[in-house]
Protein backbone atom coordinates (compact mmCIF):
# COMPACT_ATOMS: atom_id res chain seq x y z
CA UNK A 1 -4.22 6.34 -8.63
CA UNK A 2 -2.05 3.35 -9.52
CA UNK A 3 1.43 3.60 -7.95
CA UNK A 4 4.48 1.36 -8.20
CA UNK A 5 8.25 1.71 -7.94
CA UNK A 6 8.49 2.29 -4.18
CA UNK A 7 10.70 0.36 -1.74
CA UNK A 8 8.92 -2.95 -1.11
CA UNK A 9 11.11 -3.83 1.90
CA UNK A 10 9.47 -1.27 4.19
CA UNK A 11 6.46 -1.93 6.40
CA UNK A 12 2.93 -1.11 5.30
CA UNK A 13 2.77 1.62 7.93
CA UNK A 14 5.92 3.28 6.59
CA UNK A 15 4.74 3.05 2.98
CA UNK A 16 1.37 4.63 3.75
CA UNK A 17 3.05 7.36 5.81
CA UNK A 18 5.50 8.11 3.00
CA UNK A 19 2.78 8.22 0.36
CA UNK A 20 0.60 10.52 2.44
CA UNK A 21 3.54 12.90 2.75
CA UNK A 22 4.66 12.58 -0.88
CA UNK A 23 1.18 13.11 -2.36
CA UNK A 24 -0.18 15.35 0.38
CA UNK A 25 -0.09 18.45 -1.83
CA UNK A 26 -2.32 16.75 -4.41
CA UNK A 27 -5.35 16.38 -2.16
CA UNK A 28 -6.64 14.39 0.77
CA UNK A 29 -5.07 10.90 0.66
CA UNK A 30 -7.93 8.84 2.10
CA UNK A 31 -6.45 5.37 1.71
CA UNK A 32 -3.53 3.41 0.29
CA UNK A 33 -4.58 -0.12 -0.69
CA UNK A 34 -1.69 -2.62 -0.69
CA UNK A 35 -2.99 -5.85 -2.28
CA UNK A 36 -2.49 -8.89 -0.07
CA UNK A 37 -1.02 -6.91 2.81
CA UNK A 38 -1.68 -8.02 6.36
CA UNK A 39 -3.57 -11.15 5.42
CA UNK A 40 -2.52 -14.68 5.76
CA UNK A 41 0.99 -15.71 6.70
CA UNK A 42 3.02 -16.13 9.89
CA UNK A 43 6.20 -15.16 8.04
CA UNK A 44 7.60 -11.62 7.68
CA UNK A 45 6.17 -9.71 4.74
CA UNK A 46 7.30 -8.19 1.45
CA UNK A 47 4.93 -5.52 0.19
CA UNK A 48 3.25 -5.95 -3.14
CA UNK A 49 5.05 -3.94 -5.80
CA UNK A 50 1.98 -1.83 -6.67
CA UNK A 51 -0.78 -0.06 -4.75
CA UNK A 52 -3.94 1.89 -5.34
CA UNK A 53 -4.09 5.32 -3.72
CA UNK A 54 -7.43 7.06 -3.19
CA UNK A 55 -7.14 10.85 -3.29
CA UNK A 56 -9.94 13.38 -2.85
CA UNK A 57 -9.81 17.02 -3.88
CA UNK A 58 -10.19 19.39 -6.77
CA UNK A 59 -7.74 18.45 -9.52
CA UNK A 60 -6.26 15.67 -7.33
CA UNK A 61 -5.86 13.25 -10.23
CA UNK A 62 -4.02 15.76 -12.40
CA UNK A 63 -1.80 16.88 -9.54
CA UNK A 64 -0.88 13.31 -8.58
CA UNK A 65 -0.16 12.44 -12.23
CA UNK A 66 2.46 15.19 -12.33
CA UNK A 67 4.42 13.19 -9.74
CA UNK A 68 4.90 10.32 -12.18
CA UNK A 69 8.67 9.77 -12.31
CA UNK A 70 9.29 11.57 -9.00
CA UNK A 71 11.55 9.97 -6.36
CA UNK A 72 10.23 8.79 -3.00
CA UNK A 73 12.87 7.50 -0.62
CA UNK A 74 15.38 7.16 -3.44
CA UNK A 75 12.98 5.14 -5.63
CA UNK A 76 11.44 6.42 -8.86
CA UNK A 77 7.65 6.12 -8.88
CA UNK A 78 5.28 5.16 -11.65
CA UNK A 79 2.00 7.01 -11.12
CA UNK A 80 -1.04 6.83 -13.37
CA UNK A 81 -4.77 7.49 -13.00
CA UNK A 82 -6.95 4.49 -12.27
CA UNK A 83 -10.51 5.72 -11.58
CA UNK A 84 -13.16 3.49 -10.00
CA UNK A 85 -14.75 2.59 -13.35
CA UNK A 86 -11.42 1.47 -14.88
CA UNK A 87 -10.79 -2.26 -15.34
CA UNK A 88 -7.64 -2.58 -17.49
CA UNK A 89 -5.40 -3.28 -14.46
CA UNK A 90 -7.82 -5.47 -12.53
CA UNK A 91 -5.89 -8.62 -13.49
CA UNK A 92 -3.00 -7.40 -11.31
CA UNK A 93 -5.21 -7.28 -8.23
CA UNK A 94 -7.17 -10.49 -8.92
CA UNK A 95 -4.76 -12.92 -7.12
CA UNK A 96 -5.34 -11.29 -3.73
CA UNK A 97 -8.88 -9.96 -4.17
CA UNK A 98 -10.67 -12.84 -2.43
CA UNK A 99 -8.39 -12.58 0.61
CA UNK A 100 -8.68 -8.79 0.67
CA UNK A 101 -12.47 -9.09 0.67
CA UNK A 102 -12.27 -10.99 3.97
CA UNK A 103 -10.16 -8.34 5.68
CA UNK A 104 -11.60 -5.81 8.12
CA UNK A 105 -10.69 -2.13 7.70
CA UNK A 106 -11.47 0.65 10.15
CA UNK A 107 -12.73 3.93 8.72
CA UNK A 108 -13.90 7.20 10.19
CA UNK A 109 -17.04 8.89 8.88
CA UNK A 110 -18.12 12.49 9.29
CA UNK A 111 -20.68 14.91 7.87
CA UNK A 112 -23.69 13.70 9.88
CA UNK A 113 -25.87 15.86 12.12
CA UNK A 114 -24.23 15.80 15.55
CA UNK A 115 -27.45 16.94 17.25
CA UNK A 116 -29.16 13.61 16.53
CA UNK A 117 -29.86 11.21 19.43
CA UNK A 118 -26.97 8.77 19.87
CA UNK A 119 -28.70 5.45 19.14
CA UNK A 120 -30.72 6.94 16.31
CA UNK A 121 -27.57 8.31 14.67
CA UNK A 122 -25.79 4.95 14.97
CA UNK A 123 -28.78 3.14 13.48
CA UNK A 124 -29.03 5.55 10.54
CA UNK A 125 -25.32 5.40 9.85
CA UNK A 126 -25.38 1.61 9.91
CA UNK A 127 -28.31 1.44 7.50
CA UNK A 128 -26.95 4.01 5.04
CA UNK A 129 -23.40 2.66 5.03
CA UNK A 130 -24.65 -0.91 4.57
CA UNK A 131 -26.85 0.28 1.70
CA UNK A 132 -23.80 1.82 0.06
CA UNK A 133 -21.24 -0.88 0.89
CA UNK A 134 -23.48 -3.90 0.40
CA UNK A 135 -25.08 -6.51 2.63
CA UNK A 136 -22.75 -7.71 5.37
CA UNK A 137 -20.18 -5.01 4.62
CA UNK A 138 -20.54 -3.06 7.87
CA UNK A 139 -19.39 -4.91 10.99
CA UNK A 140 -20.06 -2.15 13.51
CA UNK A 141 -20.63 1.58 13.94
CA UNK A 142 -19.32 3.38 17.02
CA UNK A 143 -19.87 6.98 18.03
CA UNK A 144 -20.35 8.78 21.31
CA UNK A 145 -21.50 11.99 22.93
CA UNK A 146 -19.16 14.87 23.60
CA UNK A 147 -17.80 14.78 27.14
CA UNK A 148 -18.52 18.45 27.82
CA UNK A 149 -21.92 18.52 26.09
CA UNK A 150 -23.97 15.32 26.15
CA UNK A 151 -26.47 16.83 23.72
CA UNK A 152 -23.88 16.83 20.93
CA UNK A 153 -22.31 13.79 19.27
CA UNK A 154 -18.65 13.48 18.39
CA UNK A 155 -17.89 14.72 14.87
CA UNK A 156 -16.71 11.36 13.57
CA UNK A 157 -17.97 7.81 13.86
CA UNK A 158 -15.70 4.77 13.74
CA UNK A 159 -16.88 2.06 11.36
CA UNK A 160 -15.49 -1.44 10.76
CA UNK A 161 -15.90 -2.50 7.12
CA UNK A 162 -15.39 -5.96 5.63
CA UNK A 163 -13.70 -6.24 2.24
CA UNK A 164 -11.95 -4.00 -0.27
CA UNK A 165 -14.95 -4.07 -2.65
CA UNK A 166 -17.20 -2.59 0.04
CA UNK A 167 -14.51 -0.13 1.08
CA UNK A 168 -14.14 1.16 -2.50
CA UNK A 169 -17.89 1.70 -2.74
CA UNK A 170 -17.87 3.62 0.54
CA UNK A 171 -14.93 5.77 -0.57
CA UNK A 172 -17.17 7.08 -3.36
CA UNK A 173 -19.88 8.10 -0.89
CA UNK A 174 -20.50 11.84 -0.92
CA UNK A 175 -23.70 12.70 0.88
CA UNK A 176 -27.14 11.09 0.68
CA UNK A 177 -30.82 12.02 0.70
CA UNK A 178 -31.50 10.96 4.28
CA UNK A 179 -32.11 13.85 6.65
CA UNK A 180 -29.22 14.29 9.04
CA UNK A 181 -26.78 12.52 6.71
CA UNK A 182 -26.83 14.93 3.77
CA UNK A 183 -23.08 15.61 3.97
CA UNK A 184 -21.88 12.18 5.05
CA UNK A 185 -18.53 11.01 3.67
CA UNK A 186 -15.49 8.89 4.53
CA UNK A 187 -12.99 11.01 6.39
CA UNK A 188 -10.11 8.55 6.59
CA UNK A 189 -9.16 4.85 6.46
CA UNK A 190 -6.91 3.69 9.28
CA UNK A 191 -3.37 2.94 8.15
CA UNK A 192 -1.68 -0.40 8.91
CA UNK A 193 -0.40 -0.89 12.43
CA UNK A 194 3.15 0.26 13.08
CA UNK A 195 5.63 -2.59 13.02
CA UNK A 196 9.09 -2.90 14.50
CA UNK A 197 11.86 -3.64 12.05
CA UNK A 198 11.79 -4.38 8.34
CA UNK A 199 9.16 -6.95 7.36
CA UNK A 200 9.80 -9.22 4.39
CA UNK A 201 7.72 -12.03 2.97
CA UNK A 202 5.81 -13.25 -0.02
CA UNK A 203 3.70 -16.22 -1.06
CA UNK A 204 4.23 -17.27 -4.69
CA UNK A 205 0.63 -18.44 -4.97
CA UNK A 206 -0.69 -14.97 -4.10
CA UNK A 207 1.87 -13.03 -6.14
CA UNK A 208 2.44 -15.00 -9.36
CA UNK A 209 5.26 -13.71 -11.49
CA UNK A 210 5.89 -14.03 -15.20
CA UNK A 211 8.58 -12.34 -17.28
CA UNK A 212 5.89 -10.93 -19.54
CA UNK A 213 3.74 -9.27 -16.89
CA UNK A 214 6.26 -8.26 -14.25
CA UNK A 215 9.66 -7.85 -15.81
CA UNK A 216 9.86 -4.99 -18.30
CA UNK A 217 13.38 -5.93 -19.28
CA UNK A 218 16.35 -7.89 -17.96
CA UNK A 219 20.09 -8.18 -18.39
CA UNK A 220 21.51 -11.63 -17.59
CA UNK A 221 25.02 -10.10 -17.36
CA UNK A 222 24.20 -8.15 -14.20
CA UNK A 223 25.28 -9.56 -10.81
CA UNK A 224 22.76 -11.46 -8.72
CA UNK A 225 21.26 -9.75 -5.64
CA UNK A 226 22.53 -10.49 -2.13
CA UNK A 227 20.81 -13.07 0.04
CA UNK A 228 17.47 -11.86 1.43
CA UNK A 229 18.43 -12.95 4.94
CA UNK A 230 21.02 -10.14 5.05
CA UNK A 231 18.12 -7.73 5.51
CA UNK A 232 16.83 -9.26 8.71
CA UNK A 233 17.93 -9.75 12.30
CA UNK A 234 19.22 -13.28 13.14
CA UNK A 235 15.88 -14.41 14.58
CA UNK A 236 14.24 -14.12 11.16
CA UNK A 237 16.97 -15.57 8.95
CA UNK A 238 15.87 -19.20 9.11
CA UNK A 239 12.34 -18.24 8.11
CA UNK A 240 13.47 -16.18 5.16
CA UNK A 241 15.79 -18.92 3.90
CA UNK A 242 12.92 -21.39 4.18
CA UNK A 243 10.66 -19.00 2.26
CA UNK A 244 13.23 -18.66 -0.50
CA UNK A 245 13.51 -22.44 -0.77
CA UNK A 246 9.77 -22.89 -1.06
CA UNK A 247 9.47 -20.09 -3.59
CA UNK A 248 12.29 -21.33 -5.82
CA UNK A 249 10.06 -23.74 -7.70
CA UNK A 250 7.44 -21.07 -8.42
CA UNK A 251 9.79 -18.24 -9.43
CA UNK A 252 12.17 -18.23 -12.39
CA UNK A 253 15.90 -17.94 -11.78
CA UNK A 254 16.79 -14.53 -10.46
CA UNK A 255 17.46 -11.95 -13.17
CA UNK A 256 18.05 -8.25 -12.73
CA UNK A 257 17.56 -4.99 -14.51
CA UNK A 258 18.82 -1.44 -14.11
CA UNK A 259 16.68 0.80 -11.90
CA UNK A 260 15.95 4.36 -13.07
CA UNK A 261 19.06 6.54 -12.89
CA UNK A 262 19.64 8.02 -9.44
CA UNK A 263 21.99 11.01 -9.57
CA UNK A 264 22.38 11.00 -5.77
CA UNK A 265 24.20 7.64 -5.74
CA UNK A 266 27.97 7.95 -5.20
CA UNK A 267 30.27 6.62 -7.90
CA UNK A 268 30.78 3.82 -8.90
CA UNK A 269 27.50 2.46 -7.49
CA UNK A 270 24.46 1.55 -9.59
CA UNK A 271 20.95 0.64 -8.46
CA UNK A 272 19.55 -2.64 -9.82
CA UNK A 273 16.18 -4.40 -9.40
CA UNK A 274 15.77 -8.10 -8.76
CA UNK A 275 13.01 -9.15 -11.18
CA UNK A 276 12.04 -12.12 -9.00
CA UNK A 277 11.08 -10.13 -5.91
CA UNK A 278 10.91 -6.52 -7.10
CA UNK A 279 13.61 -5.47 -4.59
CA UNK A 280 16.11 -2.77 -5.43
CA UNK A 281 19.75 -3.38 -4.50
CA UNK A 282 23.08 -1.67 -5.09
CA UNK A 283 26.08 -2.77 -7.19
CA UNK A 284 29.63 -1.44 -7.07
CA UNK A 285 30.75 -1.67 -10.69
CA UNK A 286 34.44 -1.62 -9.71
CA UNK A 287 34.49 -4.26 -6.96
CA UNK A 288 31.39 -6.19 -8.15
CA UNK A 289 30.00 -6.05 -4.58
CA UNK A 290 26.22 -6.07 -4.20
CA UNK A 291 24.29 -5.00 -1.10
CA UNK A 292 20.78 -4.08 0.03
CA UNK A 293 21.84 -1.05 2.04
CA UNK A 294 22.02 2.22 0.15
CA UNK A 295 25.71 3.22 -0.06
CA UNK A 296 26.86 6.46 1.50
CA UNK A 297 29.73 8.61 0.27
CA UNK A 298 31.93 6.86 2.86
CA UNK A 299 31.22 3.53 1.11
CA UNK A 300 33.03 4.81 -1.98
CA UNK A 301 36.52 3.24 -1.96
CA UNK A 302 37.88 6.33 -3.60
């Protein structure tokens, strides 16, 4: 499933957690792929504005599609099917694909015969997963014997996989012909590590922006967003300001658009989106104040 419209200022861990909760009734959310996340830069990170979510279960695609237009954390989501054979959105993921194919993901695998000898099971899993994922795709396979019964293996093996292409092939795995692995499948992909604080960053070379591809509409009469450094603790502000300076030549001048109507916002606030970064921010139409923080009822001057 292709998903966009979420809050890009949160951490990858928080986004994945929110999506697992939001789409949990649709099926088993195996993985949330955030293009370009966690790879490359010593600066804080802004999430990409779109993700791919991999959901398993009967009718999962139809159920998830129903949530198109639903709100997650005060942001209206765009949700549409994007099966493995689809290619019409691949151009959006192309800028980060090479980097994402160098990244290591950790997955858990189950469905194998737990009565197999330990080393034999590890060898078979390595061979079958490499056959499915491609040469060089499997870094390691780890499993162990149950503590209370050494004759039985743990239900799930931990596998380190290199690259999103290999990971997508493995996510489609549903059993095989090899004895002892007939019901093998990916149980889960590890979510990003939990981070402290809000992480914000982008690299214009990895996330190119053009008014045609990324900005559905704009209104030059809307107020500009606040400074990005207002979102971060003092220790980060110099880095963010430097990032903005470097990005200014690659991005067009900041323009904004109205976000989808949010009936929970107190009057006279409106939610806007900065087309340059994809951030949502809030505008008081009476005082012309803009801020990143969502206003509460106490913020209303009336």
